[in-house]
Amino acid sequence: MKPHLSLYHFVSCPYCALVRRAIDELGVDVELRDIHQDPERRRELVDATGRQTVPCLRIESEDGSVRFLPESRDIVDYLRALPEE
């Protein structure tokens, strides 16, 4: 089973747009969490990472463990490496 994925982003961020485009092209199911539209999402990101830098991918594994992956290119590489369903 694939992990649950959430992307912390905002609309006008060019690096976020790069990741969103990859999500669309790959057809990956990712919850979008806009930190400008939803202050609670921004707080979650800062609480978890100590920063409000986006894009940042939240990866929740089946066992409930969570890790955060920053950097648009690293996120796109991660998404491309996911197994096909």
PDB file of N, CA and C in Angstrom:
ATOM      1  N   MET A   1       0.840  -1.192   0.000  1.00  0.00           N
ATOM      2  CA  MET A   1       0.000   0.000   0.000  1.00  0.00           C
ATOM      3  C   MET A   1       0.879   1.247   0.000  1.00  0.00           C
ATOM      4  N   LYS A   2       0.444   2.260  -0.733  1.00  0.00           N
ATOM      5  CA  LYS A   2       1.202   3.503  -0.801  1.00  0.00           C
ATOM      6  C   LYS A   2       1.001   4.317   0.476  1.00  0.00           C
ATOM      7  N   PRO A   3       1.990   5.141   0.803  1.00  0.00           N
ATOM      8  CA  PRO A   3       1.829   6.023   1.960  1.00  0.00           C
ATOM      9  C   PRO A   3       0.814   7.126   1.663  1.00  0.00           C
ATOM     10  N   HIS A   4       0.279   7.723   2.727  1.00  0.00           N
ATOM     11  CA  HIS A   4      -0.606   8.879   2.568  1.00  0.00           C
ATOM     12  C   HIS A   4       0.282  10.104   2.380  1.00  0.00           C
ATOM     13  N   LEU A   5       0.051  10.850   1.319  1.00  0.00           N
ATOM     14  CA  LEU A   5       0.895  11.988   0.977  1.00  0.00           C
ATOM     15  C   LEU A   5       0.120  13.294   1.051  1.00  0.00           C
ATOM     16  N   SER A   6       0.763  14.314   1.634  1.00  0.00           N
ATOM     17  CA  SER A   6       0.190  15.657   1.704  1.00  0.00           C
ATOM     18  C   SER A   6       1.271  16.649   1.310  1.00  0.00           C
ATOM     19  N   LEU A   7       0.920  17.597   0.456  1.00  0.00           N
ATOM     20  CA  LEU A   7       1.873  18.605   0.014  1.00  0.00           C
ATOM     21  C   LEU A   7       1.521  19.950   0.630  1.00  0.00           C
ATOM     22  N   TYR A   8       2.445  20.490   1.413  1.00  0.00           N
ATOM     23  CA  TYR A   8       2.317  21.853   1.910  1.00  0.00           C
ATOM     24  C   TYR A   8       2.844  22.763   0.806  1.00  0.00           C
ATOM     25  N   HIS A   9       2.044  23.744   0.404  1.00  0.00           N
ATOM     26  CA  HIS A   9       2.361  24.577  -0.748  1.00  0.00           C
ATOM     27  C   HIS A   9       1.596  25.878  -0.664  1.00  0.00           C
ATOM     28  N   PHE A  10       1.825  26.753  -1.645  1.00  0.00           N
ATOM     29  CA  PHE A  10       0.900  27.856  -1.911  1.00  0.00           C
ATOM     30  C   PHE A  10       0.898  28.113  -3.408  1.00  0.00           C
ATOM     31  N   VAL A  11      -0.169  28.697  -3.895  1.00  0.00           N
ATOM     32  CA  VAL A  11      -0.460  28.770  -5.325  1.00  0.00           C
ATOM     33  C   VAL A  11       0.618  29.489  -6.130  1.00  0.00           C
ATOM     34  N   SER A  12       1.113  30.616  -5.664  1.00  0.00           N
ATOM     35  CA  SER A  12       2.031  31.413  -6.474  1.00  0.00           C
ATOM     36  C   SER A  12       3.497  30.990  -6.373  1.00  0.00           C
ATOM     37  N   CYS A  13       3.796  29.956  -5.634  1.00  0.00           N
ATOM     38  CA  CYS A  13       5.169  29.463  -5.482  1.00  0.00           C
ATOM     39  C   CYS A  13       5.574  28.663  -6.722  1.00  0.00           C
ATOM     40  N   PRO A  14       6.620  29.100  -7.459  1.00  0.00           N
ATOM     41  CA  PRO A  14       7.013  28.380  -8.675  1.00  0.00           C
ATOM     42  C   PRO A  14       7.535  26.971  -8.406  1.00  0.00           C
ATOM     43  N   TYR A  15       8.191  26.768  -7.277  1.00  0.00           N
ATOM     44  CA  TYR A  15       8.688  25.429  -6.940  1.00  0.00           C
ATOM     45  C   TYR A  15       7.532  24.499  -6.593  1.00  0.00           C
ATOM     46  N   CYS A  16       6.514  25.057  -5.968  1.00  0.00           N
ATOM     47  CA  CYS A  16       5.306  24.281  -5.674  1.00  0.00           C
ATOM     48  C   CYS A  16       4.598  23.895  -6.969  1.00  0.00           C
ATOM     49  N   ALA A  17       4.560  24.822  -7.923  1.00  0.00           N
ATOM     50  CA  ALA A  17       3.920  24.555  -9.217  1.00  0.00           C
ATOM     51  C   ALA A  17       4.613  23.391  -9.920  1.00  0.00           C
ATOM     52  N   LEU A  18       5.931  23.327  -9.821  1.00  0.00           N
ATOM     53  CA  LEU A  18       6.693  22.230 -10.407  1.00  0.00           C
ATOM     54  C   LEU A  18       6.249  20.890  -9.817  1.00  0.00           C
ATOM     55  N   VAL A  19       6.089  20.862  -8.507  1.00  0.00           N
ATOM     56  CA  VAL A  19       5.659  19.628  -7.843  1.00  0.00           C
ATOM     57  C   VAL A  19       4.211  19.302  -8.199  1.00  0.00           C
ATOM     58  N   ARG A  20       3.331  20.296  -8.193  1.00  0.00           N
ATOM     59  CA  ARG A  20       1.926  20.038  -8.547  1.00  0.00           C
ATOM     60  C   ARG A  20       1.800  19.515  -9.973  1.00  0.00           C
ATOM     61  N   ARG A  21       2.613  20.036 -10.873  1.00  0.00           N
ATOM     62  CA  ARG A  21       2.603  19.558 -12.260  1.00  0.00           C
ATOM     63  C   ARG A  21       3.012  18.083 -12.316  1.00  0.00           C
ATOM     64  N   ALA A  22       4.035  17.707 -11.562  1.00  0.00           N
ATOM     65  CA  ALA A  22       4.464  16.303 -11.513  1.00  0.00           C
ATOM     66  C   ALA A  22       3.370  15.420 -10.926  1.00  0.00           C
ATOM     67  N   ILE A  23       2.690  15.908  -9.907  1.00  0.00           N
ATOM     68  CA  ILE A  23       1.588  15.153  -9.293  1.00  0.00           C
ATOM     69  C   ILE A  23       0.518  14.877 -10.344  1.00  0.00           C
ATOM     70  N   ASP A  24       0.165  15.907 -11.108  1.00  0.00           N
ATOM     71  CA  ASP A  24      -0.842  15.750 -12.163  1.00  0.00           C
ATOM     72  C   ASP A  24      -0.377  14.780 -13.242  1.00  0.00           C
ATOM     73  N   GLU A  25       0.857  14.955 -13.703  1.00  0.00           N
ATOM     74  CA  GLU A  25       1.383  14.099 -14.775  1.00  0.00           C
ATOM     75  C   GLU A  25       1.470  12.639 -14.351  1.00  0.00           C
ATOM     76  N   LEU A  26       1.847  12.415 -13.094  1.00  0.00           N
ATOM     77  CA  LEU A  26       2.022  11.043 -12.598  1.00  0.00           C
ATOM     78  C   LEU A  26       0.716  10.432 -12.091  1.00  0.00           C
ATOM     79  N   GLY A  27      -0.298  11.264 -11.863  1.00  0.00           N
ATOM     80  CA  GLY A  27      -1.573  10.767 -11.361  1.00  0.00           C
ATOM     81  C   GLY A  27      -1.500  10.256  -9.928  1.00  0.00           C
ATOM     82  N   VAL A  28      -0.615  10.863  -9.135  1.00  0.00           N
ATOM     83  CA  VAL A  28      -0.438  10.451  -7.741  1.00  0.00           C
ATOM     84  C   VAL A  28      -1.491  11.145  -6.877  1.00  0.00           C
ATOM     85  N   ASP A  29      -2.027  10.411  -5.909  1.00  0.00           N
ATOM     86  CA  ASP A  29      -3.020  10.954  -4.994  1.00  0.00           C
ATOM     87  C   ASP A  29      -2.298  11.687  -3.862  1.00  0.00           C
ATOM     88  N   VAL A  30      -2.362  13.019  -3.875  1.00  0.00           N
ATOM     89  CA  VAL A  30      -1.694  13.842  -2.875  1.00  0.00           C
ATOM     90  C   VAL A  30      -2.673  14.894  -2.376  1.00  0.00           C
ATOM     91  N   GLU A  31      -2.819  14.968  -1.072  1.00  0.00           N
ATOM     92  CA  GLU A  31      -3.658  16.008  -0.460  1.00  0.00           C
ATOM     93  C   GLU A  31      -2.889  17.323  -0.511  1.00  0.00           C
ATOM     94  N   LEU A  32      -3.503  18.370  -1.030  1.00  0.00           N
ATOM     95  CA  LEU A  32      -2.865  19.682  -1.105  1.00  0.00           C
ATOM     96  C   LEU A  32      -3.246  20.514   0.113  1.00  0.00           C
ATOM     97  N   ARG A  33      -2.234  21.053   0.779  1.00  0.00           N
ATOM     98  CA  ARG A  33      -2.434  21.854   1.983  1.00  0.00           C
ATOM     99  C   ARG A  33      -1.821  23.239   1.761  1.00  0.00           C
ATOM    100  N   ASP A  34      -2.647  24.198   1.388  1.00  0.00           N
ATOM    101  CA  ASP A  34      -2.202  25.548   1.070  1.00  0.00           C
ATOM    102  C   ASP A  34      -1.953  26.333   2.353  1.00  0.00           C
ATOM    103  N   ILE A  35      -0.702  26.694   2.605  1.00  0.00           N
ATOM    104  CA  ILE A  35      -0.361  27.360   3.866  1.00  0.00           C
ATOM    105  C   ILE A  35      -0.791  28.823   3.896  1.00  0.00           C
ATOM    106  N   HIS A  36      -1.124  29.400   2.756  1.00  0.00           N
ATOM    107  CA  HIS A  36      -1.622  30.777   2.744  1.00  0.00           C
ATOM    108  C   HIS A  36      -3.140  30.813   2.944  1.00  0.00           C
ATOM    109  N   GLN A  37      -3.826  29.808   2.464  1.00  0.00           N
ATOM    110  CA  GLN A  37      -5.284  29.745   2.598  1.00  0.00           C
ATOM    111  C   GLN A  37      -5.727  29.193   3.945  1.00  0.00           C
ATOM    112  N   ASP A  38      -4.862  28.387   4.581  1.00  0.00           N
ATOM    113  CA  ASP A  38      -5.248  27.705   5.813  1.00  0.00           C
ATOM    114  C   ASP A  38      -4.143  27.863   6.867  1.00  0.00           C
ATOM    115  N   PRO A  39      -4.303  28.832   7.782  1.00  0.00           N
ATOM    116  CA  PRO A  39      -3.286  29.083   8.812  1.00  0.00           C
ATOM    117  C   PRO A  39      -2.975  27.847   9.663  1.00  0.00           C
ATOM    118  N   GLU A  40      -3.953  26.974   9.855  1.00  0.00           N
ATOM    119  CA  GLU A  40      -3.712  25.753  10.634  1.00  0.00           C
ATOM    120  C   GLU A  40      -2.692  24.866   9.930  1.00  0.00           C
ATOM    121  N   ARG A  41      -2.755  24.801   8.621  1.00  0.00           N
ATOM    122  CA  ARG A  41      -1.783  24.007   7.854  1.00  0.00           C
ATOM    123  C   ARG A  41      -0.380  24.598   7.997  1.00  0.00           C
ATOM    124  N   ARG A  42      -0.286  25.932   7.992  1.00  0.00           N
ATOM    125  CA  ARG A  42       1.011  26.588   8.189  1.00  0.00           C
ATOM    126  C   ARG A  42       1.565  26.235   9.568  1.00  0.00           C
ATOM    127  N   ARG A  43       0.711  26.266  10.590  1.00  0.00           N
ATOM    128  CA  ARG A  43       1.147  25.911  11.943  1.00  0.00           C
ATOM    129  C   ARG A  43       1.629  24.461  12.002  1.00  0.00           C
ATOM    130  N   GLU A  44       0.894  23.564  11.350  1.00  0.00           N
ATOM    131  CA  GLU A  44       1.319  22.157  11.303  1.00  0.00           C
ATOM    132  C   GLU A  44       2.729  22.030  10.731  1.00  0.00           C
ATOM    133  N   LEU A  45       2.963  22.716   9.622  1.00  0.00           N
ATOM    134  CA  LEU A  45       4.255  22.642   8.952  1.00  0.00           C
ATOM    135  C   LEU A  45       5.367  23.190   9.849  1.00  0.00           C
ATOM    136  N   VAL A  46       5.135  24.334  10.447  1.00  0.00           N
ATOM    137  CA  VAL A  46       6.144  24.937  11.323  1.00  0.00           C
ATOM    138  C   VAL A  46       6.376  24.071  12.551  1.00  0.00           C
ATOM    139  N   ASP A  47       5.317  23.541  13.142  1.00  0.00           N
ATOM    140  CA  ASP A  47       5.467  22.667  14.313  1.00  0.00           C
ATOM    141  C   ASP A  47       6.292  21.426  13.973  1.00  0.00           C
ATOM    142  N   ALA A  48       6.091  20.895  12.781  1.00  0.00           N
ATOM    143  CA  ALA A  48       6.762  19.654  12.388  1.00  0.00           C
ATOM    144  C   ALA A  48       8.193  19.865  11.918  1.00  0.00           C
ATOM    145  N   THR A  49       8.442  20.980  11.231  1.00  0.00           N
ATOM    146  CA  THR A  49       9.747  21.165  10.590  1.00  0.00           C
ATOM    147  C   THR A  49      10.546  22.344  11.140  1.00  0.00           C
ATOM    148  N   GLY A  50       9.872  23.229  11.869  1.00  0.00           N
ATOM    149  CA  GLY A  50      10.541  24.421  12.364  1.00  0.00           C
ATOM    150  C   GLY A  50      10.631  25.535  11.340  1.00  0.00           C
ATOM    151  N   ARG A  51      10.043  25.303  10.167  1.00  0.00           N
ATOM    152  CA  ARG A  51      10.090  26.281   9.068  1.00  0.00           C
ATOM    153  C   ARG A  51       8.749  26.294   8.351  1.00  0.00           C
ATOM    154  N   GLN A  52       8.514  27.370   7.606  1.00  0.00           N
ATOM    155  CA  GLN A  52       7.308  27.401   6.772  1.00  0.00           C
ATOM    156  C   GLN A  52       7.679  27.373   5.298  1.00  0.00           C
ATOM    157  N   THR A  53       8.830  26.788   5.002  1.00  0.00           N
ATOM    158  CA  THR A  53       9.316  26.703   3.633  1.00  0.00           C
ATOM    159  C   THR A  53       8.554  25.632   2.866  1.00  0.00           C
ATOM    160  N   VAL A  54       8.103  25.995   1.671  1.00  0.00           N
ATOM    161  CA  VAL A  54       7.379  25.076   0.796  1.00  0.00           C
ATOM    162  C   VAL A  54       8.096  25.008  -0.541  1.00  0.00           C
ATOM    163  N   PRO A  55       7.882  23.976  -1.305  1.00  0.00           N
ATOM    164  CA  PRO A  55       7.019  22.836  -1.029  1.00  0.00           C
ATOM    165  C   PRO A  55       7.651  21.889  -0.015  1.00  0.00           C
ATOM    166  N   CYS A  56       6.789  21.184   0.681  1.00  0.00           N
ATOM    167  CA  CYS A  56       7.227  20.173   1.633  1.00  0.00           C
ATOM    168  C   CYS A  56       6.198  19.047   1.600  1.00  0.00           C
ATOM    169  N   LEU A  57       6.671  17.842   1.370  1.00  0.00           N
ATOM    170  CA  LEU A  57       5.792  16.683   1.269  1.00  0.00           C
ATOM    171  C   LEU A  57       5.759  15.940   2.600  1.00  0.00           C
ATOM    172  N   ARG A  58       4.564  15.738   3.132  1.00  0.00           N
ATOM    173  CA  ARG A  58       4.368  14.946   4.346  1.00  0.00           C
ATOM    174  C   ARG A  58       4.062  13.526   3.905  1.00  0.00           C
ATOM    175  N   ILE A  59       4.861  12.585   4.408  1.00  0.00           N
ATOM    176  CA  ILE A  59       4.728  11.184   4.028  1.00  0.00           C
ATOM    177  C   ILE A  59       4.366  10.384   5.269  1.00  0.00           C
ATOM    178  N   GLU A  60       3.144   9.845   5.277  1.00  0.00           N
ATOM    179  CA  GLU A  60       2.690   9.027   6.410  1.00  0.00           C
ATOM    180  C   GLU A  60       2.636   7.577   5.953  1.00  0.00           C
ATOM    181  N   SER A  61       3.481   6.755   6.557  1.00  0.00           N
ATOM    182  CA  SER A  61       3.557   5.340   6.199  1.00  0.00           C
ATOM    183  C   SER A  61       2.417   4.554   6.828  1.00  0.00           C
ATOM    184  N   GLU A  62       2.266   3.318   6.372  1.00  0.00           N
ATOM    185  CA  GLU A  62       1.211   2.449   6.900  1.00  0.00           C
ATOM    186  C   GLU A  62       1.318   2.268   8.405  1.00  0.00           C
ATOM    187  N   ASP A  63       2.550   2.259   8.928  1.00  0.00           N
ATOM    188  CA  ASP A  63       2.740   2.040  10.360  1.00  0.00           C
ATOM    189  C   ASP A  63       2.481   3.300  11.188  1.00  0.00           C
ATOM    190  N   GLY A  64       2.094   4.392  10.514  1.00  0.00           N
ATOM    191  CA  GLY A  64       1.774   5.635  11.203  1.00  0.00           C
ATOM    192  C   GLY A  64       2.951   6.582  11.357  1.00  0.00           C
ATOM    193  N   SER A  65       4.142   6.144  10.971  1.00  0.00           N
ATOM    194  CA  SER A  65       5.301   7.035  11.064  1.00  0.00           C
ATOM    195  C   SER A  65       5.178   8.125   9.995  1.00  0.00           C
ATOM    196  N   VAL A  66       5.689   9.298  10.343  1.00  0.00           N
ATOM    197  CA  VAL A  66       5.580  10.459   9.453  1.00  0.00           C
ATOM    198  C   VAL A  66       6.965  11.052   9.243  1.00  0.00           C
ATOM    199  N   ARG A  67       7.235  11.401   7.994  1.00  0.00           N
ATOM    200  CA  ARG A  67       8.454  12.153   7.702  1.00  0.00           C
ATOM    201  C   ARG A  67       8.103  13.259   6.717  1.00  0.00           C
ATOM    202  N   PHE A  68       8.945  14.272   6.702  1.00  0.00           N
ATOM    203  CA  PHE A  68       8.722  15.423   5.835  1.00  0.00           C
ATOM    204  C   PHE A  68       9.872  15.518   4.851  1.00  0.00           C
ATOM    205  N   LEU A  69       9.529  15.729   3.589  1.00  0.00           N
ATOM    206  CA  LEU A  69      10.517  15.823   2.525  1.00  0.00           C
ATOM    207  C   LEU A  69      10.418  17.207   1.880  1.00  0.00           C
ATOM    208  N   PRO A  70      11.426  18.068   2.108  1.00  0.00           N
ATOM    209  CA  PRO A  70      11.437  19.381   1.458  1.00  0.00           C
ATOM    210  C   PRO A  70      12.123  19.293   0.098  1.00  0.00           C
ATOM    211  N   GLU A  71      12.189  20.411  -0.593  1.00  0.00           N
ATOM    212  CA  GLU A  71      12.905  20.546  -1.866  1.00  0.00           C
ATOM    213  C   GLU A  71      12.132  19.936  -3.030  1.00  0.00           C
ATOM    214  N   SER A  72      11.748  20.785  -3.962  1.00  0.00           N
ATOM    215  CA  SER A  72      10.895  20.368  -5.073  1.00  0.00           C
ATOM    216  C   SER A  72      11.475  19.209  -5.878  1.00  0.00           C
ATOM    217  N   ARG A  73      12.750  19.245  -6.205  1.00  0.00           N
ATOM    218  CA  ARG A  73      13.336  18.160  -7.011  1.00  0.00           C
ATOM    219  C   ARG A  73      13.351  16.840  -6.257  1.00  0.00           C
ATOM    220  N   ASP A  74      13.635  16.895  -4.961  1.00  0.00           N
ATOM    221  CA  ASP A  74      13.608  15.668  -4.158  1.00  0.00           C
ATOM    222  C   ASP A  74      12.196  15.100  -4.090  1.00  0.00           C
ATOM    223  N   ILE A  75      11.208  15.985  -3.977  1.00  0.00           N
ATOM    224  CA  ILE A  75       9.813  15.543  -3.933  1.00  0.00           C
ATOM    225  C   ILE A  75       9.429  14.886  -5.258  1.00  0.00           C
ATOM    226  N   VAL A  76       9.776  15.524  -6.377  1.00  0.00           N
ATOM    227  CA  VAL A  76       9.442  14.962  -7.690  1.00  0.00           C
ATOM    228  C   VAL A  76      10.139  13.610  -7.878  1.00  0.00           C
ATOM    229  N   ASP A  77      11.400  13.507  -7.483  1.00  0.00           N
ATOM    230  CA  ASP A  77      12.116  12.225  -7.577  1.00  0.00           C
ATOM    231  C   ASP A  77      11.419  11.156  -6.742  1.00  0.00           C
ATOM    232  N   TYR A  78      10.984  11.519  -5.538  1.00  0.00           N
ATOM    233  CA  TYR A  78      10.279  10.580  -4.673  1.00  0.00           C
ATOM    234  C   TYR A  78       8.987  10.111  -5.339  1.00  0.00           C
ATOM    235  N   LEU A  79       8.214  11.050  -5.881  1.00  0.00           N
ATOM    236  CA  LEU A  79       6.943  10.703  -6.520  1.00  0.00           C
ATOM    237  C   LEU A  79       7.154   9.793  -7.726  1.00  0.00           C
ATOM    238  N   ARG A  80       8.186  10.070  -8.500  1.00  0.00           N
ATOM    239  CA  ARG A  80       8.479   9.242  -9.677  1.00  0.00           C
ATOM    240  C   ARG A  80       8.890   7.828  -9.292  1.00  0.00           C
ATOM    241  N   ALA A  81       9.482   7.679  -8.105  1.00  0.00           N
ATOM    242  CA  ALA A  81       9.949   6.362  -7.657  1.00  0.00           C
ATOM    243  C   ALA A  81       8.854   5.528  -7.002  1.00  0.00           C
ATOM    244  N   LEU A  82       7.678   6.115  -6.773  1.00  0.00           N
ATOM    245  CA  LEU A  82       6.584   5.351  -6.166  1.00  0.00           C
ATOM    246  C   LEU A  82       6.168   4.218  -7.081  1.00  0.00           C
ATOM    247  N   PRO A  83       5.830   3.060  -6.513  1.00  0.00           N
ATOM    248  CA  PRO A  83       5.359   1.952  -7.360  1.00  0.00           C
ATOM    249  C   PRO A  83       4.020   2.286  -7.992  1.00  0.00           C
ATOM    250  N   GLU A  84       3.819   1.778  -9.175  1.00  0.00           N
ATOM    251  CA  GLU A  84       2.542   1.952  -9.882  1.00  0.00           C
ATOM    252  C   GLU A  84       1.464   1.169  -9.150  1.00  0.00           C
ATOM    253  N   GLU A  85       0.242   1.670  -9.213  1.00  0.00           N
ATOM    254  CA  GLU A  85      -0.874   0.911  -8.615  1.00  0.00           C
ATOM    255  C   GLU A  85      -1.492   0.002  -9.634  1.00  0.00           C
TER     256      GLU A  85
END
